[in-house]
Amino acid sequence: MRMVENDVRIRSMVRQDMPELLRLMEGIVKFERGTDFRPTEAELLHRGFGERPEFGAFVADRGGSMLAGLAVHYEIPLMHTLRPLLMMKWLFVDPDVRGRGIGRRLTS
């Protein structure tokens, strides 16, 4: 089945995404030839949904609890205004759905 750009919905991550977020984050580490991937679902929940979340993510939802990609972000204060600025840390799209505009949609 060929996925087209409109087959995914871009949205903010939710708690139920943790297994898929772990899978995609491990994909980033493998892509960068890293070998030391250790986060757990519980740690991601704490760091992403705790009292002071340390990161967030926009996800490309395929439906059926499957994600096609993610754009991980965090906030930093902009120096001259001290207002939060959203900084993207990682962008990753599953290799089997690349070339279909999903990465572009995650970053716009």
N, C-alpha and C. Protein backbone atom coordinates (compact mmCIF):
# COMPACT_ATOMS: atom_id res chain seq x y z
N MET A 1 0.84 -1.18 0.00
CA MET A 1 0.00 0.00 0.00
C MET A 1 0.88 1.24 0.00
N ARG A 2 0.64 2.14 -0.88
CA ARG A 2 1.43 3.37 -0.97
C ARG A 2 0.76 4.45 -0.13
N MET A 3 1.52 4.98 0.82
CA MET A 3 1.01 6.07 1.64
C MET A 3 1.23 7.39 0.92
N VAL A 4 0.23 8.21 0.91
CA VAL A 4 0.38 9.54 0.34
C VAL A 4 0.41 10.54 1.48
N GLU A 5 0.80 11.76 1.17
CA GLU A 5 0.97 12.80 2.19
C GLU A 5 -0.27 12.96 3.06
N ASN A 6 -1.45 12.86 2.50
CA ASN A 6 -2.67 13.10 3.26
C ASN A 6 -3.07 11.92 4.14
N ASP A 7 -2.33 10.80 4.08
CA ASP A 7 -2.65 9.65 4.91
C ASP A 7 -2.17 9.81 6.35
N VAL A 8 -1.51 10.89 6.67
CA VAL A 8 -1.06 11.12 8.04
C VAL A 8 -1.64 12.43 8.55
N ARG A 9 -1.79 12.48 9.86
CA ARG A 9 -2.27 13.69 10.52
C ARG A 9 -1.16 14.18 11.42
N ILE A 10 -0.79 15.45 11.31
CA ILE A 10 0.25 16.03 12.16
C ILE A 10 -0.42 16.57 13.42
N ARG A 11 0.12 16.20 14.56
CA ARG A 11 -0.43 16.61 15.85
C ARG A 11 0.66 16.59 16.90
N SER A 12 0.35 17.12 18.08
CA SER A 12 1.28 17.05 19.21
C SER A 12 1.26 15.64 19.80
N MET A 13 2.37 15.25 20.36
CA MET A 13 2.46 13.93 20.98
C MET A 13 1.48 13.82 22.15
N VAL A 14 1.06 12.59 22.42
CA VAL A 14 0.23 12.27 23.58
C VAL A 14 0.86 11.09 24.30
N ARG A 15 0.45 10.86 25.51
CA ARG A 15 1.03 9.78 26.32
C ARG A 15 1.00 8.42 25.62
N GLN A 16 -0.06 8.16 24.89
CA GLN A 16 -0.21 6.87 24.23
C GLN A 16 0.81 6.66 23.10
N ASP A 17 1.51 7.71 22.72
CA ASP A 17 2.51 7.62 21.65
C ASP A 17 3.86 7.08 22.13
N MET A 18 4.04 6.89 23.43
CA MET A 18 5.37 6.57 23.95
C MET A 18 6.03 5.36 23.29
N PRO A 19 5.34 4.24 23.07
CA PRO A 19 6.03 3.11 22.39
C PRO A 19 6.53 3.50 21.00
N GLU A 20 5.73 4.22 20.25
CA GLU A 20 6.14 4.63 18.90
C GLU A 20 7.22 5.71 18.96
N LEU A 21 7.14 6.62 19.93
CA LEU A 21 8.21 7.62 20.09
C LEU A 21 9.53 6.94 20.37
N LEU A 22 9.52 5.94 21.24
CA LEU A 22 10.75 5.19 21.52
C LEU A 22 11.30 4.55 20.24
N ARG A 23 10.41 3.95 19.45
CA ARG A 23 10.84 3.29 18.21
C ARG A 23 11.47 4.30 17.25
N LEU A 24 10.81 5.46 17.07
CA LEU A 24 11.34 6.47 16.16
C LEU A 24 12.63 7.09 16.70
N MET A 25 12.71 7.32 18.00
CA MET A 25 13.94 7.87 18.58
C MET A 25 15.10 6.89 18.42
N GLU A 26 14.81 5.61 18.56
CA GLU A 26 15.86 4.61 18.32
C GLU A 26 16.28 4.64 16.85
N GLY A 27 15.33 4.92 15.95
CA GLY A 27 15.66 5.06 14.53
C GLY A 27 16.61 6.21 14.29
N ILE A 28 16.42 7.32 15.02
CA ILE A 28 17.33 8.46 14.91
C ILE A 28 18.74 8.05 15.33
N VAL A 29 18.83 7.37 16.47
CA VAL A 29 20.13 6.95 16.99
C VAL A 29 20.83 6.03 15.99
N LYS A 30 20.10 5.07 15.44
CA LYS A 30 20.69 4.15 14.45
C LYS A 30 21.12 4.91 13.20
N PHE A 31 20.30 5.86 12.75
CA PHE A 31 20.63 6.66 11.57
C PHE A 31 21.93 7.43 11.79
N GLU A 32 22.12 7.93 13.00
CA GLU A 32 23.33 8.67 13.34
C GLU A 32 24.47 7.75 13.75
N ARG A 33 24.28 6.45 13.56
CA ARG A 33 25.25 5.41 13.89
C ARG A 33 25.59 5.35 15.38
N GLY A 34 24.64 5.74 16.19
CA GLY A 34 24.82 5.65 17.64
C GLY A 34 24.50 4.24 18.11
N THR A 35 24.98 3.92 19.29
CA THR A 35 24.74 2.58 19.82
C THR A 35 24.23 2.61 21.25
N ASP A 36 24.19 3.74 21.86
CA ASP A 36 23.87 3.83 23.28
C ASP A 36 22.47 4.41 23.48
N PHE A 37 21.43 3.65 23.13
CA PHE A 37 20.05 4.11 23.26
C PHE A 37 19.44 3.45 24.49
N ARG A 38 19.11 4.25 25.51
CA ARG A 38 18.65 3.68 26.77
C ARG A 38 17.33 4.20 27.32
N PRO A 39 16.72 5.23 26.77
CA PRO A 39 15.49 5.73 27.39
C PRO A 39 14.41 4.66 27.48
N THR A 40 13.60 4.76 28.51
CA THR A 40 12.48 3.85 28.69
C THR A 40 11.19 4.63 28.49
N GLU A 41 10.10 3.90 28.33
CA GLU A 41 8.80 4.53 28.20
C GLU A 41 8.49 5.39 29.43
N ALA A 42 8.79 4.86 30.61
CA ALA A 42 8.53 5.60 31.85
C ALA A 42 9.33 6.90 31.90
N GLU A 43 10.58 6.85 31.45
CA GLU A 43 11.42 8.05 31.45
C GLU A 43 10.90 9.09 30.46
N LEU A 44 10.49 8.62 29.28
CA LEU A 44 9.91 9.55 28.31
C LEU A 44 8.64 10.20 28.85
N LEU A 45 7.80 9.41 29.49
CA LEU A 45 6.58 9.96 30.09
C LEU A 45 6.92 11.03 31.11
N HIS A 46 7.87 10.75 31.97
CA HIS A 46 8.26 11.72 33.01
C HIS A 46 8.85 12.98 32.38
N ARG A 47 9.75 12.81 31.43
CA ARG A 47 10.44 13.96 30.83
C ARG A 47 9.56 14.75 29.85
N GLY A 48 8.58 14.08 29.25
CA GLY A 48 7.72 14.76 28.28
C GLY A 48 6.39 15.24 28.84
N PHE A 49 5.96 14.63 29.95
CA PHE A 49 4.65 14.99 30.51
C PHE A 49 4.71 15.26 32.01
N GLY A 50 5.89 15.38 32.57
CA GLY A 50 6.04 15.63 34.00
C GLY A 50 5.63 17.05 34.36
N GLU A 51 5.89 17.40 35.60
CA GLU A 51 5.54 18.73 36.11
C GLU A 51 6.18 19.83 35.27
N ARG A 52 7.42 19.63 34.86
CA ARG A 52 8.13 20.59 33.99
C ARG A 52 8.64 19.84 32.78
N PRO A 53 7.80 19.68 31.73
CA PRO A 53 8.23 18.91 30.56
C PRO A 53 9.53 19.45 29.96
N GLU A 54 10.43 18.53 29.63
CA GLU A 54 11.73 18.89 29.08
C GLU A 54 11.76 18.87 27.56
N PHE A 55 10.75 18.27 26.94
CA PHE A 55 10.69 18.22 25.48
C PHE A 55 9.24 18.01 25.07
N GLY A 56 9.00 18.21 23.81
CA GLY A 56 7.71 17.91 23.20
C GLY A 56 7.98 17.37 21.82
N ALA A 57 6.95 16.97 21.12
CA ALA A 57 7.13 16.49 19.76
C ALA A 57 5.84 16.66 18.97
N PHE A 58 6.03 16.97 17.70
CA PHE A 58 4.94 16.89 16.74
C PHE A 58 5.13 15.54 16.06
N VAL A 59 4.04 14.83 15.85
CA VAL A 59 4.12 13.50 15.26
C VAL A 59 3.26 13.42 14.01
N ALA A 60 3.65 12.53 13.12
CA ALA A 60 2.88 12.22 11.93
C ALA A 60 2.15 10.91 12.22
N ASP A 61 0.86 11.01 12.48
CA ASP A 61 0.03 9.88 12.91
C ASP A 61 -0.50 9.14 11.70
N ARG A 62 -0.14 7.86 11.56
CA ARG A 62 -0.62 7.02 10.46
C ARG A 62 -1.99 6.42 10.76
N GLY A 63 -2.38 6.45 12.02
CA GLY A 63 -3.58 5.74 12.45
C GLY A 63 -3.19 4.38 12.98
N GLY A 64 -4.07 3.76 13.71
CA GLY A 64 -3.78 2.43 14.25
C GLY A 64 -2.60 2.41 15.20
N SER A 65 -2.40 3.49 15.96
CA SER A 65 -1.30 3.61 16.93
C SER A 65 0.07 3.61 16.29
N MET A 66 0.15 3.90 14.99
CA MET A 66 1.43 3.94 14.29
C MET A 66 1.78 5.37 13.92
N LEU A 67 3.06 5.71 14.12
CA LEU A 67 3.57 7.02 13.75
C LEU A 67 4.50 6.87 12.56
N ALA A 68 4.46 7.85 11.65
CA ALA A 68 5.33 7.84 10.48
C ALA A 68 6.57 8.68 10.70
N GLY A 69 6.54 9.59 11.68
CA GLY A 69 7.69 10.45 11.92
C GLY A 69 7.45 11.35 13.11
N LEU A 70 8.50 12.09 13.47
CA LEU A 70 8.40 13.01 14.59
C LEU A 70 9.36 14.17 14.44
N ALA A 71 9.01 15.27 15.05
CA ALA A 71 9.89 16.45 15.17
C ALA A 71 9.94 16.77 16.66
N VAL A 72 11.06 16.47 17.29
CA VAL A 72 11.23 16.70 18.72
C VAL A 72 11.67 18.14 18.93
N HIS A 73 11.06 18.79 19.92
CA HIS A 73 11.38 20.18 20.18
C HIS A 73 11.49 20.44 21.68
N TYR A 74 12.07 21.57 22.02
CA TYR A 74 12.14 22.04 23.40
C TYR A 74 12.09 23.55 23.38
N GLU A 75 11.81 24.14 24.52
CA GLU A 75 11.73 25.60 24.61
C GLU A 75 12.97 26.16 25.28
N ILE A 76 13.43 27.29 24.77
CA ILE A 76 14.50 28.05 25.42
C ILE A 76 14.06 29.51 25.46
N PRO A 77 14.52 30.27 26.44
CA PRO A 77 14.15 31.68 26.46
C PRO A 77 14.96 32.45 25.42
N LEU A 78 14.27 33.27 24.65
CA LEU A 78 14.94 34.14 23.70
C LEU A 78 15.63 35.24 24.49
N MET A 79 16.90 35.43 24.30
CA MET A 79 17.71 36.28 25.16
C MET A 79 17.16 37.68 25.37
N HIS A 80 16.80 38.40 24.33
CA HIS A 80 16.44 39.80 24.52
C HIS A 80 15.00 40.01 25.00
N THR A 81 14.13 38.99 24.88
CA THR A 81 12.76 39.14 25.37
C THR A 81 12.43 38.20 26.51
N LEU A 82 13.22 37.16 26.67
CA LEU A 82 13.01 36.08 27.64
C LEU A 82 11.71 35.32 27.40
N ARG A 83 11.11 35.52 26.23
CA ARG A 83 9.95 34.73 25.86
C ARG A 83 10.43 33.38 25.34
N PRO A 84 9.65 32.34 25.55
CA PRO A 84 10.08 31.03 25.07
C PRO A 84 10.16 30.97 23.55
N LEU A 85 11.18 30.29 23.08
CA LEU A 85 11.38 30.05 21.66
C LEU A 85 11.40 28.54 21.46
N LEU A 86 10.63 28.04 20.53
CA LEU A 86 10.57 26.62 20.26
C LEU A 86 11.73 26.25 19.33
N MET A 87 12.57 25.34 19.79
CA MET A 87 13.73 24.89 19.02
C MET A 87 13.54 23.42 18.63
N MET A 88 13.70 23.11 17.34
CA MET A 88 13.61 21.73 16.93
C MET A 88 14.94 21.05 17.18
N LYS A 89 14.89 19.88 17.79
CA LYS A 89 16.09 19.11 18.09
C LYS A 89 16.31 18.02 17.05
N TRP A 90 15.27 17.23 16.76
CA TRP A 90 15.39 16.13 15.82
C TRP A 90 14.20 16.10 14.89
N LEU A 91 14.44 15.67 13.69
CA LEU A 91 13.39 15.38 12.72
C LEU A 91 13.70 14.00 12.16
N PHE A 92 12.71 13.13 12.20
CA PHE A 92 12.91 11.77 11.68
C PHE A 92 11.61 11.28 11.06
N VAL A 93 11.73 10.70 9.87
CA VAL A 93 10.60 10.08 9.17
C VAL A 93 11.02 8.65 8.85
N ASP A 94 10.10 7.72 9.10
CA ASP A 94 10.39 6.32 8.78
C ASP A 94 10.87 6.19 7.34
N PRO A 95 11.91 5.39 7.12
CA PRO A 95 12.45 5.25 5.76
C PRO A 95 11.42 4.80 4.72
N ASP A 96 10.46 3.98 5.12
CA ASP A 96 9.49 3.46 4.15
C ASP A 96 8.46 4.50 3.69
N VAL A 97 8.42 5.68 4.32
CA VAL A 97 7.47 6.72 3.91
C VAL A 97 8.16 8.04 3.57
N ARG A 98 9.46 8.00 3.42
CA ARG A 98 10.19 9.22 3.04
C ARG A 98 9.87 9.61 1.60
N GLY A 99 10.03 10.91 1.31
CA GLY A 99 9.79 11.39 -0.03
C GLY A 99 8.34 11.72 -0.32
N ARG A 100 7.54 11.76 0.73
CA ARG A 100 6.11 12.02 0.57
C ARG A 100 5.65 13.29 1.26
N GLY A 101 6.60 14.15 1.65
CA GLY A 101 6.26 15.44 2.23
C GLY A 101 5.97 15.43 3.72
N ILE A 102 6.17 14.30 4.38
CA ILE A 102 5.86 14.23 5.81
C ILE A 102 6.80 15.07 6.62
N GLY A 103 8.09 15.03 6.34
CA GLY A 103 9.06 15.86 7.06
C GLY A 103 8.76 17.33 6.91
N ARG A 104 8.39 17.75 5.72
CA ARG A 104 8.04 19.14 5.47
C ARG A 104 6.82 19.54 6.30
N ARG A 105 5.83 18.65 6.36
CA ARG A 105 4.63 18.95 7.15
C ARG A 105 4.94 19.02 8.64
N LEU A 106 5.86 18.17 9.12
CA LEU A 106 6.23 18.19 10.54
C LEU A 106 6.92 19.49 10.93
N THR A 107 7.57 20.14 9.99
CA THR A 107 8.33 21.35 10.31
C THR A 107 7.62 22.63 9.93
N SER A 108 6.41 22.55 9.41
CA SER A 108 5.72 23.79 9.05
C SER A 108 4.60 24.15 10.01
